[in-house]
Amino acid sequence: MWLDTFMKKISDSPPDLSDVAEFNSCLLNCDLDDMQGTGSDFTWFNNQDVAIRVYSKLERVLVNYDWLQTFTQSSAQFLPPGISDHCPAVLTFHNDPIPKKQFKFLNCWASHPDFSIIVARAWD
């Protein structure tokens, strides 16, 4: 039995890395990454007899840096297969904007004897 965590595949034959080279190149060129998920590690199986069954991770949720910055609470869950031999993926996301802090200026600061010096030093 062959288990390859890079390709997420269990089978009797070792994986051929050339099979995924073009896909990996595309992910790199598009700055996409596989979102970590919960649930099934292997999202597809070939419905064959146990002796020749192959499990693989085919379903993925691909995201980029902007997505991760915008949807900080996003997650993927891979459910058990139903009528299909593929596992459905459920994507949950929330747009939680980061609250902006308001700047408050107190007029009493301007009356401090070192106010002008401190402001000039900060701007330089």
PDB file of N, CA and C in Angstrom:
ATOM      1  N   MET A   1       0.854  -1.179   0.000  1.00  0.00           N
ATOM      2  CA  MET A   1       0.000   0.000   0.000  1.00  0.00           C
ATOM      3  C   MET A   1       0.897   1.238   0.000  1.00  0.00           C
ATOM      4  N   TRP A   2       0.602   2.198  -0.846  1.00  0.00           N
ATOM      5  CA  TRP A   2       1.388   3.416  -0.983  1.00  0.00           C
ATOM      6  C   TRP A   2       0.580   4.577  -0.432  1.00  0.00           C
ATOM      7  N   LEU A   3       1.182   5.322   0.499  1.00  0.00           N
ATOM      8  CA  LEU A   3       0.540   6.524   1.036  1.00  0.00           C
ATOM      9  C   LEU A   3       1.451   7.689   0.737  1.00  0.00           C
ATOM     10  N   ASP A   4       0.942   8.659   0.011  1.00  0.00           N
ATOM     11  CA  ASP A   4       1.715   9.848  -0.311  1.00  0.00           C
ATOM     12  C   ASP A   4       0.956  11.053   0.228  1.00  0.00           C
ATOM     13  N   THR A   5       1.527  11.728   1.224  1.00  0.00           N
ATOM     14  CA  THR A   5       0.827  12.855   1.838  1.00  0.00           C
ATOM     15  C   THR A   5       0.862  14.088   0.967  1.00  0.00           C
ATOM     16  N   PHE A   6       1.885  14.212   0.085  1.00  0.00           N
ATOM     17  CA  PHE A   6       1.961  15.386  -0.790  1.00  0.00           C
ATOM     18  C   PHE A   6       0.780  15.400  -1.750  1.00  0.00           C
ATOM     19  N   MET A   7       0.548  14.271  -2.377  1.00  0.00           N
ATOM     20  CA  MET A   7      -0.546  14.191  -3.338  1.00  0.00           C
ATOM     21  C   MET A   7      -1.831  13.708  -2.676  1.00  0.00           C
ATOM     22  N   LYS A   8      -1.771  13.299  -1.431  1.00  0.00           N
ATOM     23  CA  LYS A   8      -2.933  12.771  -0.712  1.00  0.00           C
ATOM     24  C   LYS A   8      -3.578  11.640  -1.506  1.00  0.00           C
ATOM     25  N   LYS A   9      -2.845  10.544  -1.583  1.00  0.00           N
ATOM     26  CA  LYS A   9      -3.330   9.410  -2.346  1.00  0.00           C
ATOM     27  C   LYS A   9      -2.926   8.117  -1.657  1.00  0.00           C
ATOM     28  N   ILE A  10      -3.833   7.149  -1.624  1.00  0.00           N
ATOM     29  CA  ILE A  10      -3.525   5.805  -1.145  1.00  0.00           C
ATOM     30  C   ILE A  10      -3.823   4.848  -2.291  1.00  0.00           C
ATOM     31  N   SER A  11      -2.816   4.114  -2.705  1.00  0.00           N
ATOM     32  CA  SER A  11      -3.008   3.124  -3.758  1.00  0.00           C
ATOM     33  C   SER A  11      -1.868   2.118  -3.702  1.00  0.00           C
ATOM     34  N   ASP A  12      -1.947   1.106  -4.558  1.00  0.00           N
ATOM     35  CA  ASP A  12      -0.889   0.102  -4.625  1.00  0.00           C
ATOM     36  C   ASP A  12       0.296   0.558  -5.457  1.00  0.00           C
ATOM     37  N   SER A  13       0.130   1.583  -6.261  1.00  0.00           N
ATOM     38  CA  SER A  13       1.231   2.055  -7.101  1.00  0.00           C
ATOM     39  C   SER A  13       1.690   3.436  -6.635  1.00  0.00           C
ATOM     40  N   PRO A  14       2.993   3.713  -6.730  1.00  0.00           N
ATOM     41  CA  PRO A  14       3.492   5.025  -6.314  1.00  0.00           C
ATOM     42  C   PRO A  14       2.977   6.114  -7.247  1.00  0.00           C
ATOM     43  N   PRO A  15       2.774   7.317  -6.737  1.00  0.00           N
ATOM     44  CA  PRO A  15       2.262   8.398  -7.582  1.00  0.00           C
ATOM     45  C   PRO A  15       3.322   8.873  -8.568  1.00  0.00           C
ATOM     46  N   ASP A  16       2.869   9.356  -9.700  1.00  0.00           N
ATOM     47  CA  ASP A  16       3.745   9.936 -10.708  1.00  0.00           C
ATOM     48  C   ASP A  16       3.656  11.448 -10.554  1.00  0.00           C
ATOM     49  N   LEU A  17       4.741  12.070 -10.088  1.00  0.00           N
ATOM     50  CA  LEU A  17       4.724  13.514  -9.825  1.00  0.00           C
ATOM     51  C   LEU A  17       4.492  14.330 -11.087  1.00  0.00           C
ATOM     52  N   SER A  18       4.803  13.759 -12.250  1.00  0.00           N
ATOM     53  CA  SER A  18       4.547  14.502 -13.485  1.00  0.00           C
ATOM     54  C   SER A  18       3.042  14.677 -13.718  1.00  0.00           C
ATOM     55  N   ASP A  19       2.231  13.821 -13.094  1.00  0.00           N
ATOM     56  CA  ASP A  19       0.781  13.953 -13.217  1.00  0.00           C
ATOM     57  C   ASP A  19       0.264  15.258 -12.624  1.00  0.00           C
ATOM     58  N   VAL A  20       0.947  15.774 -11.625  1.00  0.00           N
ATOM     59  CA  VAL A  20       0.470  16.984 -10.961  1.00  0.00           C
ATOM     60  C   VAL A  20       1.368  18.196 -11.199  1.00  0.00           C
ATOM     61  N   ALA A  21       2.425  18.043 -11.963  1.00  0.00           N
ATOM     62  CA  ALA A  21       3.380  19.139 -12.172  1.00  0.00           C
ATOM     63  C   ALA A  21       2.718  20.350 -12.818  1.00  0.00           C
ATOM     64  N   GLU A  22       1.898  20.133 -13.843  1.00  0.00           N
ATOM     65  CA  GLU A  22       1.251  21.253 -14.525  1.00  0.00           C
ATOM     66  C   GLU A  22       0.250  21.953 -13.603  1.00  0.00           C
ATOM     67  N   PHE A  23      -0.476  21.166 -12.834  1.00  0.00           N
ATOM     68  CA  PHE A  23      -1.428  21.747 -11.881  1.00  0.00           C
ATOM     69  C   PHE A  23      -0.704  22.574 -10.824  1.00  0.00           C
ATOM     70  N   ASN A  24       0.378  22.036 -10.266  1.00  0.00           N
ATOM     71  CA  ASN A  24       1.148  22.773  -9.268  1.00  0.00           C
ATOM     72  C   ASN A  24       1.743  24.050  -9.853  1.00  0.00           C
ATOM     73  N   SER A  25       2.191  24.001 -11.089  1.00  0.00           N
ATOM     74  CA  SER A  25       2.721  25.183 -11.760  1.00  0.00           C
ATOM     75  C   SER A  25       1.637  26.252 -11.898  1.00  0.00           C
ATOM     76  N   CYS A  26       0.431  25.835 -12.241  1.00  0.00           N
ATOM     77  CA  CYS A  26      -0.696  26.762 -12.354  1.00  0.00           C
ATOM     78  C   CYS A  26      -0.988  27.422 -11.009  1.00  0.00           C
ATOM     79  N   LEU A  27      -0.979  26.627  -9.931  1.00  0.00           N
ATOM     80  CA  LEU A  27      -1.236  27.176  -8.593  1.00  0.00           C
ATOM     81  C   LEU A  27      -0.188  28.220  -8.229  1.00  0.00           C
ATOM     82  N   LEU A  28       1.065  27.923  -8.538  1.00  0.00           N
ATOM     83  CA  LEU A  28       2.143  28.870  -8.243  1.00  0.00           C
ATOM     84  C   LEU A  28       1.987  30.150  -9.047  1.00  0.00           C
ATOM     85  N   ASN A  29       1.698  30.027 -10.338  1.00  0.00           N
ATOM     86  CA  ASN A  29       1.552  31.202 -11.201  1.00  0.00           C
ATOM     87  C   ASN A  29       0.371  32.079 -10.796  1.00  0.00           C
ATOM     88  N   CYS A  30      -0.668  31.473 -10.260  1.00  0.00           N
ATOM     89  CA  CYS A  30      -1.869  32.225  -9.861  1.00  0.00           C
ATOM     90  C   CYS A  30      -1.845  32.617  -8.388  1.00  0.00           C
ATOM     91  N   ASP A  31      -0.769  32.284  -7.690  1.00  0.00           N
ATOM     92  CA  ASP A  31      -0.660  32.560  -6.249  1.00  0.00           C
ATOM     93  C   ASP A  31      -1.826  31.983  -5.462  1.00  0.00           C
ATOM     94  N   LEU A  32      -2.175  30.749  -5.765  1.00  0.00           N
ATOM     95  CA  LEU A  32      -3.261  30.068  -5.065  1.00  0.00           C
ATOM     96  C   LEU A  32      -2.687  29.034  -4.117  1.00  0.00           C
ATOM     97  N   ASP A  33      -3.408  28.837  -3.025  1.00  0.00           N
ATOM     98  CA  ASP A  33      -2.990  27.848  -2.042  1.00  0.00           C
ATOM     99  C   ASP A  33      -4.211  27.038  -1.631  1.00  0.00           C
ATOM    100  N   ASP A  34      -3.966  25.833  -1.188  1.00  0.00           N
ATOM    101  CA  ASP A  34      -5.021  24.929  -0.754  1.00  0.00           C
ATOM    102  C   ASP A  34      -5.440  25.305   0.666  1.00  0.00           C
ATOM    103  N   MET A  35      -6.699  25.703   0.826  1.00  0.00           N
ATOM    104  CA  MET A  35      -7.194  26.057   2.151  1.00  0.00           C
ATOM    105  C   MET A  35      -7.267  24.791   3.007  1.00  0.00           C
ATOM    106  N   GLN A  36      -6.786  24.893   4.219  1.00  0.00           N
ATOM    107  CA  GLN A  36      -6.888  23.771   5.139  1.00  0.00           C
ATOM    108  C   GLN A  36      -8.358  23.518   5.442  1.00  0.00           C
ATOM    109  N   GLY A  37      -8.705  22.263   5.550  1.00  0.00           N
ATOM    110  CA  GLY A  37     -10.088  21.935   5.808  1.00  0.00           C
ATOM    111  C   GLY A  37     -10.224  20.868   6.874  1.00  0.00           C
ATOM    112  N   THR A  38     -11.451  20.609   7.235  1.00  0.00           N
ATOM    113  CA  THR A  38     -11.749  19.558   8.200  1.00  0.00           C
ATOM    114  C   THR A  38     -12.589  18.503   7.484  1.00  0.00           C
ATOM    115  N   GLY A  39     -12.705  17.367   8.103  1.00  0.00           N
ATOM    116  CA  GLY A  39     -13.498  16.289   7.523  1.00  0.00           C
ATOM    117  C   GLY A  39     -12.614  15.276   6.834  1.00  0.00           C
ATOM    118  N   SER A  40     -13.105  14.730   5.748  1.00  0.00           N
ATOM    119  CA  SER A  40     -12.406  13.664   5.034  1.00  0.00           C
ATOM    120  C   SER A  40     -11.075  14.142   4.456  1.00  0.00           C
ATOM    121  N   ASP A  41      -9.993  13.394   4.736  1.00  0.00           N
ATOM    122  CA  ASP A  41      -8.699  13.688   4.128  1.00  0.00           C
ATOM    123  C   ASP A  41      -8.689  13.291   2.659  1.00  0.00           C
ATOM    124  N   PHE A  42      -9.363  12.218   2.339  1.00  0.00           N
ATOM    125  CA  PHE A  42      -9.425  11.735   0.969  1.00  0.00           C
ATOM    126  C   PHE A  42     -10.841  11.962   0.471  1.00  0.00           C
ATOM    127  N   THR A  43     -10.987  12.697  -0.624  1.00  0.00           N
ATOM    128  CA  THR A  43     -12.299  13.156  -1.061  1.00  0.00           C
ATOM    129  C   THR A  43     -12.863  12.372  -2.237  1.00  0.00           C
ATOM    130  N   TRP A  44     -12.146  11.345  -2.672  1.00  0.00           N
ATOM    131  CA  TRP A  44     -12.613  10.523  -3.795  1.00  0.00           C
ATOM    132  C   TRP A  44     -12.087   9.105  -3.627  1.00  0.00           C
ATOM    133  N   PHE A  45     -12.850   8.135  -4.068  1.00  0.00           N
ATOM    134  CA  PHE A  45     -12.357   6.764  -4.159  1.00  0.00           C
ATOM    135  C   PHE A  45     -12.939   6.141  -5.419  1.00  0.00           C
ATOM    136  N   ASN A  46     -12.271   5.117  -5.924  1.00  0.00           N
ATOM    137  CA  ASN A  46     -12.616   4.588  -7.243  1.00  0.00           C
ATOM    138  C   ASN A  46     -13.708   3.514  -7.238  1.00  0.00           C
ATOM    139  N   ASN A  47     -14.382   3.298  -6.116  1.00  0.00           N
ATOM    140  CA  ASN A  47     -15.491   2.329  -6.034  1.00  0.00           C
ATOM    141  C   ASN A  47     -15.089   0.917  -6.441  1.00  0.00           C
ATOM    142  N   GLN A  48     -13.818   0.581  -6.326  1.00  0.00           N
ATOM    143  CA  GLN A  48     -13.355  -0.753  -6.684  1.00  0.00           C
ATOM    144  C   GLN A  48     -13.320  -1.644  -5.448  1.00  0.00           C
ATOM    145  N   ASP A  49     -13.050  -2.893  -5.672  1.00  0.00           N
ATOM    146  CA  ASP A  49     -12.889  -3.852  -4.592  1.00  0.00           C
ATOM    147  C   ASP A  49     -11.799  -3.357  -3.636  1.00  0.00           C
ATOM    148  N   VAL A  50     -11.910  -3.690  -2.372  1.00  0.00           N
ATOM    149  CA  VAL A  50     -10.974  -3.199  -1.361  1.00  0.00           C
ATOM    150  C   VAL A  50      -9.522  -3.477  -1.750  1.00  0.00           C
ATOM    151  N   ALA A  51      -9.253  -4.594  -2.391  1.00  0.00           N
ATOM    152  CA  ALA A  51      -7.880  -4.972  -2.758  1.00  0.00           C
ATOM    153  C   ALA A  51      -7.265  -4.011  -3.774  1.00  0.00           C
ATOM    154  N   ILE A  52      -8.084  -3.390  -4.613  1.00  0.00           N
ATOM    155  CA  ILE A  52      -7.548  -2.471  -5.631  1.00  0.00           C
ATOM    156  C   ILE A  52      -8.136  -1.062  -5.506  1.00  0.00           C
ATOM    157  N   ARG A  53      -8.680  -0.754  -4.346  1.00  0.00           N
ATOM    158  CA  ARG A  53      -9.298   0.555  -4.127  1.00  0.00           C
ATOM    159  C   ARG A  53      -8.227   1.634  -4.056  1.00  0.00           C
ATOM    160  N   VAL A  54      -8.528   2.793  -4.627  1.00  0.00           N
ATOM    161  CA  VAL A  54      -7.651   3.959  -4.597  1.00  0.00           C
ATOM    162  C   VAL A  54      -8.412   5.091  -3.928  1.00  0.00           C
ATOM    163  N   TYR A  55      -7.758   5.738  -2.980  1.00  0.00           N
ATOM    164  CA  TYR A  55      -8.304   6.930  -2.325  1.00  0.00           C
ATOM    165  C   TYR A  55      -7.429   8.104  -2.722  1.00  0.00           C
ATOM    166  N   SER A  56      -8.036   9.250  -2.952  1.00  0.00           N
ATOM    167  CA  SER A  56      -7.264  10.424  -3.344  1.00  0.00           C
ATOM    168  C   SER A  56      -7.981  11.688  -2.890  1.00  0.00           C
ATOM    169  N   LYS A  57      -7.231  12.767  -2.766  1.00  0.00           N
ATOM    170  CA  LYS A  57      -7.817  14.075  -2.458  1.00  0.00           C
ATOM    171  C   LYS A  57      -7.892  14.855  -3.759  1.00  0.00           C
ATOM    172  N   LEU A  58      -9.076  14.873  -4.358  1.00  0.00           N
ATOM    173  CA  LEU A  58      -9.282  15.604  -5.608  1.00  0.00           C
ATOM    174  C   LEU A  58      -9.939  16.952  -5.361  1.00  0.00           C
ATOM    175  N   GLU A  59     -10.886  16.991  -4.437  1.00  0.00           N
ATOM    176  CA  GLU A  59     -11.601  18.231  -4.158  1.00  0.00           C
ATOM    177  C   GLU A  59     -10.724  19.132  -3.289  1.00  0.00           C
ATOM    178  N   ARG A  60     -10.631  20.368  -3.677  1.00  0.00           N
ATOM    179  CA  ARG A  60      -9.828  21.340  -2.937  1.00  0.00           C
ATOM    180  C   ARG A  60     -10.544  22.681  -2.955  1.00  0.00           C
ATOM    181  N   VAL A  61     -10.271  23.489  -1.964  1.00  0.00           N
ATOM    182  CA  VAL A  61     -10.739  24.873  -1.939  1.00  0.00           C
ATOM    183  C   VAL A  61      -9.490  25.727  -2.072  1.00  0.00           C
ATOM    184  N   LEU A  62      -9.365  26.409  -3.209  1.00  0.00           N
ATOM    185  CA  LEU A  62      -8.176  27.199  -3.494  1.00  0.00           C
ATOM    186  C   LEU A  62      -8.439  28.665  -3.198  1.00  0.00           C
ATOM    187  N   VAL A  63      -7.509  29.291  -2.489  1.00  0.00           N
ATOM    188  CA  VAL A  63      -7.651  30.694  -2.102  1.00  0.00           C
ATOM    189  C   VAL A  63      -6.338  31.424  -2.349  1.00  0.00           C
ATOM    190  N   ASN A  64      -6.429  32.741  -2.415  1.00  0.00           N
ATOM    191  CA  ASN A  64      -5.213  33.543  -2.532  1.00  0.00           C
ATOM    192  C   ASN A  64      -5.053  34.408  -1.277  1.00  0.00           C
ATOM    193  N   TYR A  65      -3.977  35.166  -1.237  1.00  0.00           N
ATOM    194  CA  TYR A  65      -3.653  35.981  -0.064  1.00  0.00           C
ATOM    195  C   TYR A  65      -4.752  37.004   0.221  1.00  0.00           C
ATOM    196  N   ASP A  66      -5.279  37.641  -0.835  1.00  0.00           N
ATOM    197  CA  ASP A  66      -6.337  38.640  -0.632  1.00  0.00           C
ATOM    198  C   ASP A  66      -7.575  38.020   0.004  1.00  0.00           C
ATOM    199  N   TRP A  67      -7.912  36.807  -0.420  1.00  0.00           N
ATOM    200  CA  TRP A  67      -9.064  36.116   0.181  1.00  0.00           C
ATOM    201  C   TRP A  67      -8.823  35.918   1.677  1.00  0.00           C
ATOM    202  N   LEU A  68      -7.644  35.417   2.019  1.00  0.00           N
ATOM    203  CA  LEU A  68      -7.345  35.134   3.425  1.00  0.00           C
ATOM    204  C   LEU A  68      -7.336  36.404   4.263  1.00  0.00           C
ATOM    205  N   GLN A  69      -6.945  37.531   3.675  1.00  0.00           N
ATOM    206  CA  GLN A  69      -6.953  38.791   4.398  1.00  0.00           C
ATOM    207  C   GLN A  69      -8.374  39.346   4.551  1.00  0.00           C
ATOM    208  N   THR A  70      -9.215  39.104   3.556  1.00  0.00           N
ATOM    209  CA  THR A  70     -10.590  39.619   3.595  1.00  0.00           C
ATOM    210  C   THR A  70     -11.507  38.734   4.431  1.00  0.00           C
ATOM    211  N   PHE A  71     -11.384  37.435   4.242  1.00  0.00           N
ATOM    212  CA  PHE A  71     -12.252  36.483   4.934  1.00  0.00           C
ATOM    213  C   PHE A  71     -11.416  35.699   5.940  1.00  0.00           C
ATOM    214  N   THR A  72     -11.077  36.358   7.024  1.00  0.00           N
ATOM    215  CA  THR A  72     -10.151  35.790   8.002  1.00  0.00           C
ATOM    216  C   THR A  72     -10.727  34.581   8.723  1.00  0.00           C
ATOM    217  N   GLN A  73     -12.024  34.460   8.754  1.00  0.00           N
ATOM    218  CA  GLN A  73     -12.661  33.352   9.471  1.00  0.00           C
ATOM    219  C   GLN A  73     -13.165  32.274   8.516  1.00  0.00           C
ATOM    220  N   SER A  74     -12.656  32.223   7.290  1.00  0.00           N
ATOM    221  CA  SER A  74     -13.155  31.241   6.331  1.00  0.00           C
ATOM    222  C   SER A  74     -12.629  29.841   6.654  1.00  0.00           C
ATOM    223  N   SER A  75     -13.425  28.847   6.297  1.00  0.00           N
ATOM    224  CA  SER A  75     -13.024  27.462   6.533  1.00  0.00           C
ATOM    225  C   SER A  75     -13.709  26.566   5.510  1.00  0.00           C
ATOM    226  N   ALA A  76     -13.090  25.410   5.287  1.00  0.00           N
ATOM    227  CA  ALA A  76     -13.649  24.420   4.373  1.00  0.00           C
ATOM    228  C   ALA A  76     -13.895  23.132   5.142  1.00  0.00           C
ATOM    229  N   GLN A  77     -15.015  22.506   4.855  1.00  0.00           N
ATOM    230  CA  GLN A  77     -15.331  21.225   5.474  1.00  0.00           C
ATOM    231  C   GLN A  77     -15.676  20.237   4.358  1.00  0.00           C
ATOM    232  N   PHE A  78     -15.010  19.089   4.376  1.00  0.00           N
ATOM    233  CA  PHE A  78     -15.260  18.047   3.384  1.00  0.00           C
ATOM    234  C   PHE A  78     -16.150  16.986   4.033  1.00  0.00           C
ATOM    235  N   LEU A  79     -17.344  16.865   3.504  1.00  0.00           N
ATOM    236  CA  LEU A  79     -18.350  15.959   4.054  1.00  0.00           C
ATOM    237  C   LEU A  79     -18.160  14.552   3.493  1.00  0.00           C
ATOM    238  N   PRO A  80     -18.734  13.547   4.148  1.00  0.00           N
ATOM    239  CA  PRO A  80     -18.662  12.185   3.603  1.00  0.00           C
ATOM    240  C   PRO A  80     -19.385  12.128   2.252  1.00  0.00           C
ATOM    241  N   PRO A  81     -18.934  11.227   1.367  1.00  0.00           N
ATOM    242  CA  PRO A  81     -19.619  11.121   0.070  1.00  0.00           C
ATOM    243  C   PRO A  81     -21.047  10.623   0.265  1.00  0.00           C
ATOM    244  N   GLY A  82     -21.932  11.130  -0.547  1.00  0.00           N
ATOM    245  CA  GLY A  82     -23.326  10.683  -0.490  1.00  0.00           C
ATOM    246  C   GLY A  82     -23.567   9.699  -1.621  1.00  0.00           C
ATOM    247  N   ILE A  83     -24.312  10.133  -2.615  1.00  0.00           N
ATOM    248  CA  ILE A  83     -24.604   9.257  -3.753  1.00  0.00           C
ATOM    249  C   ILE A  83     -23.454   9.227  -4.752  1.00  0.00           C
ATOM    250  N   SER A  84     -22.507  10.125  -4.589  1.00  0.00           N
ATOM    251  CA  SER A  84     -21.357  10.200  -5.489  1.00  0.00           C
ATOM    252  C   SER A  84     -20.140   9.543  -4.835  1.00  0.00           C
ATOM    253  N   ASP A  85     -19.102   9.331  -5.620  1.00  0.00           N
ATOM    254  CA  ASP A  85     -17.844   8.849  -5.050  1.00  0.00           C
ATOM    255  C   ASP A  85     -16.933  10.012  -4.670  1.00  0.00           C
ATOM    256  N   HIS A  86     -17.450  11.239  -4.778  1.00  0.00           N
ATOM    257  CA  HIS A  86     -16.721  12.449  -4.375  1.00  0.00           C
ATOM    258  C   HIS A  86     -17.327  13.013  -3.092  1.00  0.00           C
ATOM    259  N   CYS A  87     -16.493  13.656  -2.294  1.00  0.00           N
ATOM    260  CA  CYS A  87     -16.962  14.322  -1.076  1.00  0.00           C
ATOM    261  C   CYS A  87     -17.309  15.769  -1.392  1.00  0.00           C
ATOM    262  N   PRO A  88     -18.487  16.223  -1.001  1.00  0.00           N
ATOM    263  CA  PRO A  88     -18.806  17.644  -1.204  1.00  0.00           C
ATOM    264  C   PRO A  88     -17.999  18.515  -0.248  1.00  0.00           C
ATOM    265  N   ALA A  89     -17.668  19.702  -0.715  1.00  0.00           N
ATOM    266  CA  ALA A  89     -16.952  20.673   0.113  1.00  0.00           C
ATOM    267  C   ALA A  89     -17.911  21.800   0.468  1.00  0.00           C
ATOM    268  N   VAL A  90     -17.924  22.156   1.744  1.00  0.00           N
ATOM    269  CA  VAL A  90     -18.752  23.262   2.214  1.00  0.00           C
ATOM    270  C   VAL A  90     -17.808  24.371   2.661  1.00  0.00           C
ATOM    271  N   LEU A  91     -17.953  25.526   2.042  1.00  0.00           N
ATOM    272  CA  LEU A  91     -17.115  26.679   2.357  1.00  0.00           C
ATOM    273  C   LEU A  91     -17.916  27.642   3.213  1.00  0.00           C
ATOM    274  N   THR A  92     -17.368  27.993   4.357  1.00  0.00           N
ATOM    275  CA  THR A  92     -17.997  28.954   5.253  1.00  0.00           C
ATOM    276  C   THR A  92     -17.076  30.156   5.351  1.00  0.00           C
ATOM    277  N   PHE A  93     -17.648  31.341   5.177  1.00  0.00           N
ATOM    278  CA  PHE A  93     -16.815  32.531   5.301  1.00  0.00           C
ATOM    279  C   PHE A  93     -17.634  33.699   5.822  1.00  0.00           C
ATOM    280  N   HIS A  94     -16.927  34.563   6.497  1.00  0.00           N
ATOM    281  CA  HIS A  94     -17.520  35.771   7.051  1.00  0.00           C
ATOM    282  C   HIS A  94     -16.587  36.920   6.711  1.00  0.00           C
ATOM    283  N   ASN A  95     -17.166  38.008   6.321  1.00  0.00           N
ATOM    284  CA  ASN A  95     -16.374  39.201   6.061  1.00  0.00           C
ATOM    285  C   ASN A  95     -16.368  40.023   7.339  1.00  0.00           C
ATOM    286  N   ASP A  96     -15.343  39.802   8.150  1.00  0.00           N
ATOM    287  CA  ASP A  96     -15.227  40.500   9.423  1.00  0.00           C
ATOM    288  C   ASP A  96     -14.294  41.685   9.249  1.00  0.00           C
ATOM    289  N   PRO A  97     -14.856  42.857   8.909  1.00  0.00           N
ATOM    290  CA  PRO A  97     -13.963  43.994   8.718  1.00  0.00           C
ATOM    291  C   PRO A  97     -13.253  44.352  10.016  1.00  0.00           C
ATOM    292  N   ILE A  98     -12.005  44.726   9.892  1.00  0.00           N
ATOM    293  CA  ILE A  98     -11.225  45.152  11.046  1.00  0.00           C
ATOM    294  C   ILE A  98     -11.665  46.571  11.389  1.00  0.00           C
ATOM    295  N   PRO A  99     -12.159  46.763  12.596  1.00  0.00           N
ATOM    296  CA  PRO A  99     -12.630  48.111  12.948  1.00  0.00           C
ATOM    297  C   PRO A  99     -11.468  49.103  12.939  1.00  0.00           C
ATOM    298  N   LYS A 100     -11.723  50.260  12.336  1.00  0.00           N
ATOM    299  CA  LYS A 100     -10.702  51.296  12.300  1.00  0.00           C
ATOM    300  C   LYS A 100     -10.760  52.087  13.596  1.00  0.00           C
ATOM    301  N   LYS A 101      -9.584  52.321  14.154  1.00  0.00           N
ATOM    302  CA  LYS A 101      -9.511  53.097  15.379  1.00  0.00           C
ATOM    303  C   LYS A 101      -9.559  54.576  15.019  1.00  0.00           C
ATOM    304  N   GLN A 102     -10.356  55.298  15.748  1.00  0.00           N
ATOM    305  CA  GLN A 102     -10.461  56.731  15.509  1.00  0.00           C
ATOM    306  C   GLN A 102      -9.316  57.454  16.200  1.00  0.00           C
ATOM    307  N   PHE A 103      -8.827  58.486  15.525  1.00  0.00           N
ATOM    308  CA  PHE A 103      -7.806  59.326  16.131  1.00  0.00           C
ATOM    309  C   PHE A 103      -8.524  60.476  16.818  1.00  0.00           C
ATOM    310  N   LYS A 104      -8.168  60.685  18.061  1.00  0.00           N
ATOM    311  CA  LYS A 104      -8.757  61.794  18.813  1.00  0.00           C
ATOM    312  C   LYS A 104      -7.645  62.745  19.230  1.00  0.00           C
ATOM    313  N   PHE A 105      -7.853  63.993  18.949  1.00  0.00           N
ATOM    314  CA  PHE A 105      -6.892  65.023  19.339  1.00  0.00           C
ATOM    315  C   PHE A 105      -7.497  65.841  20.467  1.00  0.00           C
ATOM    316  N   LEU A 106      -6.750  65.933  21.533  1.00  0.00           N
ATOM    317  CA  LEU A 106      -7.196  66.740  22.669  1.00  0.00           C
ATOM    318  C   LEU A 106      -6.480  68.088  22.611  1.00  0.00           C
ATOM    319  N   ASN A 107      -7.234  69.164  22.647  1.00  0.00           N
ATOM    320  CA  ASN A 107      -6.655  70.508  22.535  1.00  0.00           C
ATOM    321  C   ASN A 107      -5.619  70.793  23.623  1.00  0.00           C
ATOM    322  N   CYS A 108      -5.733  70.151  24.768  1.00  0.00           N
ATOM    323  CA  CYS A 108      -4.785  70.394  25.850  1.00  0.00           C
ATOM    324  C   CYS A 108      -3.371  69.952  25.474  1.00  0.00           C
ATOM    325  N   TRP A 109      -3.260  69.026  24.506  1.00  0.00           N
ATOM    326  CA  TRP A 109      -1.925  68.598  24.077  1.00  0.00           C
ATOM    327  C   TRP A 109      -1.153  69.773  23.471  1.00  0.00           C
ATOM    328  N   ALA A 110      -1.843  70.612  22.725  1.00  0.00           N
ATOM    329  CA  ALA A 110      -1.188  71.741  22.054  1.00  0.00           C
ATOM    330  C   ALA A 110      -0.634  72.755  23.052  1.00  0.00           C
ATOM    331  N   SER A 111      -1.166  72.747  24.258  1.00  0.00           N
ATOM    332  CA  SER A 111      -0.673  73.709  25.259  1.00  0.00           C
ATOM    333  C   SER A 111       0.558  73.199  26.015  1.00  0.00           C
ATOM    334  N   HIS A 112       0.958  71.975  25.756  1.00  0.00           N
ATOM    335  CA  HIS A 112       2.156  71.430  26.403  1.00  0.00           C
ATOM    336  C   HIS A 112       3.383  72.162  25.858  1.00  0.00           C
ATOM    337  N   PRO A 113       4.346  72.508  26.708  1.00  0.00           N
ATOM    338  CA  PRO A 113       5.500  73.303  26.254  1.00  0.00           C
ATOM    339  C   PRO A 113       6.358  72.579  25.200  1.00  0.00           C
ATOM    340  N   ASP A 114       6.383  71.266  25.196  1.00  0.00           N
ATOM    341  CA  ASP A 114       7.206  70.528  24.230  1.00  0.00           C
ATOM    342  C   ASP A 114       6.402  70.025  23.030  1.00  0.00           C
ATOM    343  N   PHE A 115       5.160  70.474  22.874  1.00  0.00           N
ATOM    344  CA  PHE A 115       4.289  69.973  21.810  1.00  0.00           C
ATOM    345  C   PHE A 115       4.914  70.125  20.421  1.00  0.00           C
ATOM    346  N   SER A 116       5.356  71.293  20.065  1.00  0.00           N
ATOM    347  CA  SER A 116       5.916  71.554  18.736  1.00  0.00           C
ATOM    348  C   SER A 116       7.166  70.708  18.484  1.00  0.00           C
ATOM    349  N   ILE A 117       8.001  70.550  19.493  1.00  0.00           N
ATOM    350  CA  ILE A 117       9.230  69.761  19.354  1.00  0.00           C
ATOM    351  C   ILE A 117       8.894  68.274  19.134  1.00  0.00           C
ATOM    352  N   ILE A 118       7.956  67.766  19.893  1.00  0.00           N
ATOM    353  CA  ILE A 118       7.561  66.352  19.763  1.00  0.00           C
ATOM    354  C   ILE A 118       6.953  66.080  18.394  1.00  0.00           C
ATOM    355  N   VAL A 119       6.071  66.963  17.911  1.00  0.00           N
ATOM    356  CA  VAL A 119       5.447  66.773  16.613  1.00  0.00           C
ATOM    357  C   VAL A 119       6.489  66.847  15.504  1.00  0.00           C
ATOM    358  N   ALA A 120       7.396  67.833  15.576  1.00  0.00           N
ATOM    359  CA  ALA A 120       8.438  67.966  14.552  1.00  0.00           C
ATOM    360  C   ALA A 120       9.333  66.730  14.519  1.00  0.00           C
ATOM    361  N   ARG A 121       9.676  66.210  15.685  1.00  0.00           N
ATOM    362  CA  ARG A 121      10.536  65.006  15.758  1.00  0.00           C
ATOM    363  C   ARG A 121       9.805  63.793  15.166  1.00  0.00           C
ATOM    364  N   ALA A 122       8.515  63.670  15.425  1.00  0.00           N
ATOM    365  CA  ALA A 122       7.740  62.551  14.907  1.00  0.00           C
ATOM    366  C   ALA A 122       7.614  62.617  13.382  1.00  0.00           C
ATOM    367  N   TRP A 123       7.469  63.806  12.824  1.00  0.00           N
ATOM    368  CA  TRP A 123       7.329  63.960  11.379  1.00  0.00           C
ATOM    369  C   TRP A 123       8.652  63.739  10.657  1.00  0.00           C
ATOM    370  N   ASP A 124       9.750  63.985  11.344  1.00  0.00           N
ATOM    371  CA  ASP A 124      11.052  63.775  10.701  1.00  0.00           C
ATOM    372  C   ASP A 124      11.380  62.319  10.730  1.00  0.00           C
TER     373      ASP A 124
END
